[in-house]
Amino acid sequence: MTEIFAVILIFSGLIFFIAGSIGLLRLPDAYSRLHALTKADNVGLGFLAFGLLLLSSNSLTAFKMVLVWMLVMVSSAAGAHLIAQFVRRRERGVSPAPIFCGQGRIPRAAPSRLGPCWPLPASCCASLDIPRAAFPGKPPCAA
């Protein structure tokens, strides 16, 4: 009886994984896709882990499966938050994230939105491999 219930849980988890994958492919915007992936995959992994828990005879293995499920839940929430934050900044036209080189803050932005940190130090340009053609009219690196 336990094996039957375990198989039902495992197949339920697979159905949630498939639903999350379909949501990724079919939903219109990044926020809906993130929601489909994080929710469906976390629930699917939970069903899968609990189904495997029922089949596991070792308590250490069972503990490891629950621990993996919890770590995946935390990391997927953090990853989804970072992706949503990036998408929101991109929609607003704000630079995705500043990069730091030396002591100055260097904004990643379009040439028309270059901040007060420009021009960049020559050492920074070498480490970032910035092409000069990307900035017509304004050289990105100090001479």
N, C-alpha and C. Protein backbone atom coordinates (compact mmCIF):
# COMPACT_ATOMS: atom_id res chain seq x y z
N MET A 1 0.82 -1.21 0.00
CA MET A 1 0.00 0.00 0.00
C MET A 1 0.86 1.26 0.00
N THR A 2 1.96 1.21 0.74
CA THR A 2 2.86 2.36 0.80
C THR A 2 3.48 2.64 -0.56
N GLU A 3 3.82 1.56 -1.28
CA GLU A 3 4.43 1.74 -2.59
C GLU A 3 3.46 2.39 -3.56
N ILE A 4 2.20 2.05 -3.48
CA ILE A 4 1.20 2.64 -4.37
C ILE A 4 1.06 4.13 -4.08
N PHE A 5 1.00 4.48 -2.80
CA PHE A 5 0.89 5.89 -2.43
C PHE A 5 2.14 6.66 -2.86
N ALA A 6 3.32 6.03 -2.75
CA ALA A 6 4.58 6.66 -3.16
C ALA A 6 4.58 6.92 -4.67
N VAL A 7 4.12 5.94 -5.44
CA VAL A 7 4.07 6.10 -6.89
C VAL A 7 3.09 7.20 -7.27
N ILE A 8 1.96 7.30 -6.58
CA ILE A 8 0.99 8.37 -6.84
C ILE A 8 1.63 9.73 -6.56
N LEU A 9 2.37 9.84 -5.46
CA LEU A 9 3.04 11.11 -5.15
C LEU A 9 4.10 11.45 -6.19
N ILE A 10 4.85 10.47 -6.63
CA ILE A 10 5.90 10.72 -7.63
C ILE A 10 5.28 11.16 -8.95
N PHE A 11 4.23 10.51 -9.38
CA PHE A 11 3.58 10.92 -10.63
C PHE A 11 2.91 12.29 -10.48
N SER A 12 2.40 12.60 -9.30
CA SER A 12 1.85 13.94 -9.07
C SER A 12 2.94 14.99 -9.20
N GLY A 13 4.11 14.70 -8.66
CA GLY A 13 5.24 15.61 -8.79
C GLY A 13 5.64 15.82 -10.23
N LEU A 14 5.64 14.73 -11.00
CA LEU A 14 5.98 14.86 -12.42
C LEU A 14 4.95 15.70 -13.17
N ILE A 15 3.69 15.57 -12.81
CA ILE A 15 2.65 16.39 -13.44
C ILE A 15 2.88 17.87 -13.14
N PHE A 16 3.27 18.18 -11.90
CA PHE A 16 3.55 19.58 -11.58
C PHE A 16 4.77 20.09 -12.34
N PHE A 17 5.79 19.25 -12.49
CA PHE A 17 6.95 19.65 -13.28
C PHE A 17 6.56 19.95 -14.73
N ILE A 18 5.74 19.10 -15.29
CA ILE A 18 5.29 19.31 -16.68
C ILE A 18 4.45 20.58 -16.78
N ALA A 19 3.58 20.81 -15.80
CA ALA A 19 2.76 22.03 -15.81
C ALA A 19 3.64 23.27 -15.70
N GLY A 20 4.68 23.24 -14.88
CA GLY A 20 5.59 24.37 -14.78
C GLY A 20 6.34 24.62 -16.08
N SER A 21 6.74 23.54 -16.75
CA SER A 21 7.44 23.68 -18.03
C SER A 21 6.51 24.24 -19.10
N ILE A 22 5.27 23.80 -19.11
CA ILE A 22 4.30 24.35 -20.06
C ILE A 22 4.05 25.83 -19.76
N GLY A 23 3.97 26.18 -18.48
CA GLY A 23 3.79 27.57 -18.10
C GLY A 23 4.95 28.43 -18.56
N LEU A 24 6.16 27.90 -18.49
CA LEU A 24 7.33 28.64 -18.96
C LEU A 24 7.22 28.92 -20.45
N LEU A 25 6.73 27.96 -21.19
CA LEU A 25 6.66 28.13 -22.64
C LEU A 25 5.45 28.94 -23.10
N ARG A 26 4.35 28.90 -22.37
CA ARG A 26 3.11 29.46 -22.86
C ARG A 26 2.72 30.82 -22.28
N LEU A 27 3.18 31.15 -21.08
CA LEU A 27 2.72 32.37 -20.44
C LEU A 27 3.37 33.60 -21.08
N PRO A 28 2.67 34.75 -21.04
CA PRO A 28 3.08 35.89 -21.85
C PRO A 28 4.27 36.70 -21.34
N ASP A 29 4.40 36.87 -20.03
CA ASP A 29 5.46 37.76 -19.55
C ASP A 29 6.36 37.04 -18.55
N ALA A 30 7.45 37.70 -18.21
CA ALA A 30 8.46 37.09 -17.34
C ALA A 30 7.92 36.81 -15.94
N TYR A 31 7.08 37.69 -15.44
CA TYR A 31 6.56 37.50 -14.08
C TYR A 31 5.66 36.27 -13.99
N SER A 32 4.81 36.07 -14.97
CA SER A 32 3.95 34.88 -14.98
C SER A 32 4.78 33.61 -15.15
N ARG A 33 5.80 33.69 -15.99
CA ARG A 33 6.67 32.53 -16.17
C ARG A 33 7.40 32.17 -14.89
N LEU A 34 7.90 33.19 -14.20
CA LEU A 34 8.57 32.95 -12.92
C LEU A 34 7.62 32.31 -11.91
N HIS A 35 6.41 32.82 -11.87
CA HIS A 35 5.42 32.28 -10.94
C HIS A 35 5.15 30.81 -11.24
N ALA A 36 4.95 30.51 -12.52
CA ALA A 36 4.66 29.12 -12.90
C ALA A 36 5.83 28.21 -12.54
N LEU A 37 7.03 28.65 -12.82
CA LEU A 37 8.18 27.80 -12.55
C LEU A 37 8.42 27.60 -11.06
N THR A 38 8.42 28.69 -10.30
CA THR A 38 8.77 28.55 -8.88
C THR A 38 7.70 27.78 -8.12
N LYS A 39 6.46 28.09 -8.35
CA LYS A 39 5.40 27.40 -7.61
C LYS A 39 5.27 25.94 -8.03
N ALA A 40 5.16 25.71 -9.32
CA ALA A 40 4.95 24.35 -9.79
C ALA A 40 6.16 23.46 -9.50
N ASP A 41 7.35 23.98 -9.68
CA ASP A 41 8.53 23.16 -9.44
C ASP A 41 8.73 22.87 -7.96
N ASN A 42 8.46 23.83 -7.10
CA ASN A 42 8.58 23.57 -5.67
C ASN A 42 7.57 22.53 -5.19
N VAL A 43 6.34 22.64 -5.64
CA VAL A 43 5.32 21.66 -5.26
C VAL A 43 5.65 20.31 -5.88
N GLY A 44 6.08 20.32 -7.14
CA GLY A 44 6.44 19.06 -7.80
C GLY A 44 7.60 18.37 -7.11
N LEU A 45 8.60 19.14 -6.73
CA LEU A 45 9.73 18.54 -6.01
C LEU A 45 9.30 18.05 -4.64
N GLY A 46 8.38 18.75 -4.00
CA GLY A 46 7.87 18.29 -2.71
C GLY A 46 7.16 16.95 -2.83
N PHE A 47 6.29 16.82 -3.82
CA PHE A 47 5.61 15.54 -4.03
C PHE A 47 6.61 14.43 -4.35
N LEU A 48 7.57 14.77 -5.19
CA LEU A 48 8.58 13.79 -5.57
C LEU A 48 9.40 13.35 -4.36
N ALA A 49 9.82 14.31 -3.54
CA ALA A 49 10.63 13.99 -2.36
C ALA A 49 9.82 13.16 -1.36
N PHE A 50 8.57 13.51 -1.13
CA PHE A 50 7.78 12.73 -0.18
C PHE A 50 7.44 11.34 -0.72
N GLY A 51 7.28 11.24 -2.03
CA GLY A 51 7.09 9.91 -2.60
C GLY A 51 8.33 9.05 -2.43
N LEU A 52 9.49 9.64 -2.64
CA LEU A 52 10.73 8.90 -2.44
C LEU A 52 11.00 8.62 -0.97
N LEU A 53 10.52 9.51 -0.10
CA LEU A 53 10.66 9.27 1.34
C LEU A 53 9.95 8.00 1.76
N LEU A 54 8.79 7.79 1.17
CA LEU A 54 8.03 6.58 1.52
C LEU A 54 8.74 5.32 1.05
N LEU A 55 9.51 5.44 -0.03
CA LEU A 55 10.23 4.28 -0.54
C LEU A 55 11.58 4.09 0.12
N SER A 56 12.06 5.11 0.81
CA SER A 56 13.37 5.06 1.44
C SER A 56 13.31 4.26 2.74
N SER A 57 14.33 3.43 2.93
CA SER A 57 14.38 2.65 4.17
C SER A 57 15.35 3.25 5.18
N ASN A 58 16.18 4.17 4.72
CA ASN A 58 17.20 4.77 5.57
C ASN A 58 16.74 6.16 6.00
N SER A 59 16.82 6.45 7.30
CA SER A 59 16.38 7.76 7.78
C SER A 59 17.34 8.87 7.38
N LEU A 60 18.63 8.56 7.21
CA LEU A 60 19.58 9.57 6.76
C LEU A 60 19.29 10.00 5.33
N THR A 61 18.96 9.04 4.49
CA THR A 61 18.59 9.36 3.11
C THR A 61 17.32 10.20 3.07
N ALA A 62 16.37 9.87 3.90
CA ALA A 62 15.13 10.64 3.97
C ALA A 62 15.41 12.07 4.42
N PHE A 63 16.27 12.22 5.42
CA PHE A 63 16.63 13.55 5.89
C PHE A 63 17.31 14.36 4.79
N LYS A 64 18.19 13.72 4.03
CA LYS A 64 18.88 14.41 2.94
C LYS A 64 17.90 14.87 1.87
N MET A 65 16.89 14.05 1.57
CA MET A 65 15.90 14.45 0.56
C MET A 65 15.09 15.65 1.02
N VAL A 66 14.70 15.66 2.27
CA VAL A 66 13.95 16.81 2.80
C VAL A 66 14.84 18.05 2.82
N LEU A 67 16.11 17.88 3.16
CA LEU A 67 17.04 19.00 3.18
C LEU A 67 17.25 19.57 1.78
N VAL A 68 17.38 18.70 0.79
CA VAL A 68 17.52 19.16 -0.59
C VAL A 68 16.28 19.93 -1.03
N TRP A 69 15.12 19.41 -0.68
CA TRP A 69 13.87 20.09 -1.05
C TRP A 69 13.81 21.49 -0.43
N MET A 70 14.19 21.60 0.83
CA MET A 70 14.16 22.91 1.51
C MET A 70 15.17 23.86 0.88
N LEU A 71 16.36 23.37 0.56
CA LEU A 71 17.37 24.23 -0.06
C LEU A 71 16.93 24.70 -1.45
N VAL A 72 16.29 23.82 -2.20
CA VAL A 72 15.78 24.20 -3.52
C VAL A 72 14.69 25.26 -3.37
N MET A 73 13.84 25.13 -2.37
CA MET A 73 12.79 26.14 -2.16
C MET A 73 13.40 27.50 -1.87
N VAL A 74 14.41 27.53 -1.02
CA VAL A 74 15.05 28.81 -0.68
C VAL A 74 15.77 29.39 -1.89
N SER A 75 16.52 28.56 -2.59
CA SER A 75 17.29 29.08 -3.72
C SER A 75 16.40 29.49 -4.88
N SER A 76 15.31 28.79 -5.11
CA SER A 76 14.43 29.18 -6.22
C SER A 76 13.71 30.49 -5.89
N ALA A 77 13.37 30.70 -4.63
CA ALA A 77 12.75 31.97 -4.25
C ALA A 77 13.74 33.12 -4.43
N ALA A 78 14.98 32.91 -4.01
CA ALA A 78 15.99 33.96 -4.17
C ALA A 78 16.30 34.22 -5.64
N GLY A 79 16.41 33.15 -6.41
CA GLY A 79 16.67 33.31 -7.85
C GLY A 79 15.53 34.01 -8.57
N ALA A 80 14.29 33.65 -8.23
CA ALA A 80 13.14 34.30 -8.86
C ALA A 80 13.07 35.77 -8.49
N HIS A 81 13.43 36.09 -7.26
CA HIS A 81 13.44 37.49 -6.84
C HIS A 81 14.48 38.28 -7.64
N LEU A 82 15.66 37.73 -7.82
CA LEU A 82 16.70 38.42 -8.58
C LEU A 82 16.30 38.59 -10.04
N ILE A 83 15.71 37.57 -10.62
CA ILE A 83 15.29 37.67 -12.02
C ILE A 83 14.18 38.70 -12.16
N ALA A 84 13.21 38.70 -11.25
CA ALA A 84 12.11 39.68 -11.31
C ALA A 84 12.64 41.09 -11.12
N GLN A 85 13.61 41.26 -10.24
CA GLN A 85 14.20 42.58 -10.03
C GLN A 85 14.92 43.05 -11.29
N PHE A 86 15.65 42.16 -11.95
CA PHE A 86 16.32 42.50 -13.19
C PHE A 86 15.32 42.90 -14.27
N VAL A 87 14.23 42.13 -14.40
CA VAL A 87 13.21 42.43 -15.42
C VAL A 87 12.55 43.77 -15.13
N ARG A 88 12.26 44.03 -13.86
CA ARG A 88 11.63 45.30 -13.51
C ARG A 88 12.54 46.48 -13.82
N ARG A 89 13.82 46.34 -13.52
CA ARG A 89 14.76 47.43 -13.84
C ARG A 89 14.88 47.62 -15.34
N ARG A 90 14.90 46.52 -16.08
CA ARG A 90 15.01 46.63 -17.53
C ARG A 90 13.77 47.30 -18.12
N GLU A 91 12.59 46.99 -17.59
CA GLU A 91 11.36 47.62 -18.08
C GLU A 91 11.35 49.12 -17.80
N ARG A 92 11.94 49.53 -16.70
CA ARG A 92 11.99 50.95 -16.36
C ARG A 92 13.09 51.69 -17.10
N GLY A 93 13.98 50.97 -17.74
CA GLY A 93 15.08 51.61 -18.45
C GLY A 93 16.26 51.93 -17.55
N VAL A 94 16.28 51.35 -16.37
CA VAL A 94 17.37 51.57 -15.44
C VAL A 94 18.43 50.52 -15.71
N SER A 95 19.68 50.86 -15.43
CA SER A 95 20.75 49.88 -15.63
C SER A 95 20.50 48.69 -14.71
N PRO A 96 20.75 47.47 -15.20
CA PRO A 96 20.44 46.28 -14.41
C PRO A 96 21.14 46.25 -13.07
N ALA A 97 22.42 46.47 -13.04
CA ALA A 97 23.15 46.46 -11.77
C ALA A 97 24.48 47.16 -11.98
N PRO A 98 24.92 47.93 -11.02
CA PRO A 98 26.22 48.56 -11.19
C PRO A 98 27.34 47.53 -11.02
N ILE A 99 28.43 47.77 -11.72
CA ILE A 99 29.61 46.96 -11.50
C ILE A 99 30.64 47.83 -10.84
N PHE A 100 31.51 47.24 -10.10
CA PHE A 100 32.50 48.00 -9.35
C PHE A 100 33.88 47.69 -9.88
N CYS A 101 34.62 48.73 -10.15
CA CYS A 101 35.97 48.58 -10.65
C CYS A 101 36.84 49.60 -9.95
N GLY A 102 37.82 49.15 -9.27
CA GLY A 102 38.66 50.09 -8.54
C GLY A 102 37.87 50.71 -7.41
N GLN A 103 37.86 52.04 -7.36
CA GLN A 103 37.16 52.71 -6.27
C GLN A 103 35.89 53.40 -6.75
N GLY A 104 35.68 53.47 -8.05
CA GLY A 104 34.50 54.16 -8.56
C GLY A 104 33.39 53.20 -8.94
N ARG A 105 32.18 53.68 -8.89
CA ARG A 105 31.04 52.88 -9.30
C ARG A 105 30.81 53.14 -10.77
N ILE A 106 30.70 52.10 -11.55
CA ILE A 106 30.57 52.23 -12.99
C ILE A 106 29.18 51.77 -13.39
N PRO A 107 28.32 52.65 -13.82
CA PRO A 107 26.97 52.21 -14.21
C PRO A 107 26.99 51.53 -15.57
N ARG A 108 26.22 50.45 -15.68
CA ARG A 108 26.00 49.83 -16.98
C ARG A 108 24.77 50.50 -17.57
N ALA A 109 24.98 51.35 -18.50
CA ALA A 109 23.84 52.09 -19.05
C ALA A 109 24.11 52.41 -20.50
N ALA A 110 23.09 52.91 -21.16
CA ALA A 110 23.24 53.37 -22.53
C ALA A 110 24.15 54.60 -22.53
N PRO A 111 24.81 54.89 -23.65
CA PRO A 111 25.71 56.04 -23.68
C PRO A 111 25.04 57.36 -23.31
N SER A 112 23.74 57.50 -23.55
CA SER A 112 23.08 58.75 -23.20
C SER A 112 22.83 58.87 -21.70
N ARG A 113 22.96 57.77 -20.96
CA ARG A 113 22.70 57.80 -19.53
C ARG A 113 23.95 57.58 -18.70
N LEU A 114 25.09 57.89 -19.26
CA LEU A 114 26.31 57.66 -18.53
C LEU A 114 26.36 58.56 -17.31
N GLY A 115 26.73 57.96 -16.22
CA GLY A 115 26.75 58.68 -14.96
C GLY A 115 28.03 59.45 -14.75
N PRO A 116 28.22 59.97 -13.54
CA PRO A 116 29.37 60.80 -13.25
C PRO A 116 30.68 60.02 -13.18
N CYS A 117 30.63 58.69 -13.23
CA CYS A 117 31.85 57.89 -13.12
C CYS A 117 32.60 57.79 -14.44
N TRP A 118 32.02 58.31 -15.50
CA TRP A 118 32.65 58.19 -16.80
C TRP A 118 33.54 59.38 -17.04
N PRO A 119 34.61 59.29 -17.75
CA PRO A 119 35.20 58.13 -18.41
C PRO A 119 35.83 57.17 -17.41
N LEU A 120 35.93 55.94 -17.83
CA LEU A 120 36.46 54.89 -16.97
C LEU A 120 37.98 54.95 -16.93
N PRO A 121 38.55 54.48 -15.84
CA PRO A 121 40.01 54.33 -15.83
C PRO A 121 40.42 53.28 -16.86
N ALA A 122 41.60 53.45 -17.44
CA ALA A 122 42.06 52.54 -18.49
C ALA A 122 42.17 51.11 -17.98
N SER A 123 42.55 50.92 -16.73
CA SER A 123 42.67 49.57 -16.19
C SER A 123 41.31 48.88 -16.12
N CYS A 124 40.29 49.67 -15.86
CA CYS A 124 38.94 49.12 -15.79
C CYS A 124 38.48 48.69 -17.18
N CYS A 125 38.75 49.51 -18.17
CA CYS A 125 38.33 49.16 -19.53
C CYS A 125 39.00 47.89 -20.00
N ALA A 126 40.24 47.70 -19.62
CA ALA A 126 40.94 46.49 -20.03
C ALA A 126 40.32 45.26 -19.36
N SER A 127 39.96 45.38 -18.08
CA SER A 127 39.40 44.23 -17.39
C SER A 127 37.97 43.93 -17.82
N LEU A 128 37.23 44.95 -18.24
CA LEU A 128 35.84 44.75 -18.67
C LEU A 128 35.72 44.42 -20.14
N ASP A 129 36.79 44.62 -20.91
CA ASP A 129 36.79 44.36 -22.34
C ASP A 129 35.67 45.14 -23.03
N ILE A 130 35.67 46.45 -22.83
CA ILE A 130 34.63 47.31 -23.39
C ILE A 130 35.02 47.72 -24.81
N PRO A 131 34.18 47.42 -25.80
CA PRO A 131 34.51 47.85 -27.16
C PRO A 131 34.23 49.34 -27.34
N ARG A 132 35.12 50.01 -28.03
CA ARG A 132 34.96 51.44 -28.25
C ARG A 132 33.78 51.74 -29.18
N ALA A 133 33.44 50.81 -30.04
CA ALA A 133 32.33 51.04 -30.97
C ALA A 133 30.98 51.11 -30.26
N ALA A 134 30.91 50.61 -29.04
CA ALA A 134 29.65 50.61 -28.30
C ALA A 134 29.31 52.01 -27.81
N PHE A 135 30.27 52.93 -27.83
CA PHE A 135 30.06 54.28 -27.30
C PHE A 135 30.47 55.32 -28.34
N PRO A 136 29.66 55.53 -29.35
CA PRO A 136 30.02 56.52 -30.35
C PRO A 136 29.97 57.94 -29.76
N GLY A 137 30.98 58.71 -30.04
CA GLY A 137 30.99 60.10 -29.59
C GLY A 137 31.59 60.28 -28.22
N LYS A 138 31.48 59.32 -27.33
CA LYS A 138 32.04 59.41 -25.99
C LYS A 138 32.97 58.23 -25.75
N PRO A 139 34.24 58.46 -25.66
CA PRO A 139 35.12 57.32 -25.38
C PRO A 139 34.88 56.83 -23.95
N PRO A 140 34.71 55.53 -23.77
CA PRO A 140 34.41 55.04 -22.44
C PRO A 140 35.63 55.01 -21.52
N CYS A 141 36.82 55.07 -22.10
CA CYS A 141 38.01 54.93 -21.28
C CYS A 141 38.83 56.21 -21.29
N ALA A 142 39.39 56.50 -20.14
CA ALA A 142 40.29 57.65 -20.08
C ALA A 142 41.60 57.27 -20.74
N ALA A 143 42.19 58.23 -21.35
CA ALA A 143 43.46 57.97 -22.06
C ALA A 143 44.62 57.92 -21.11
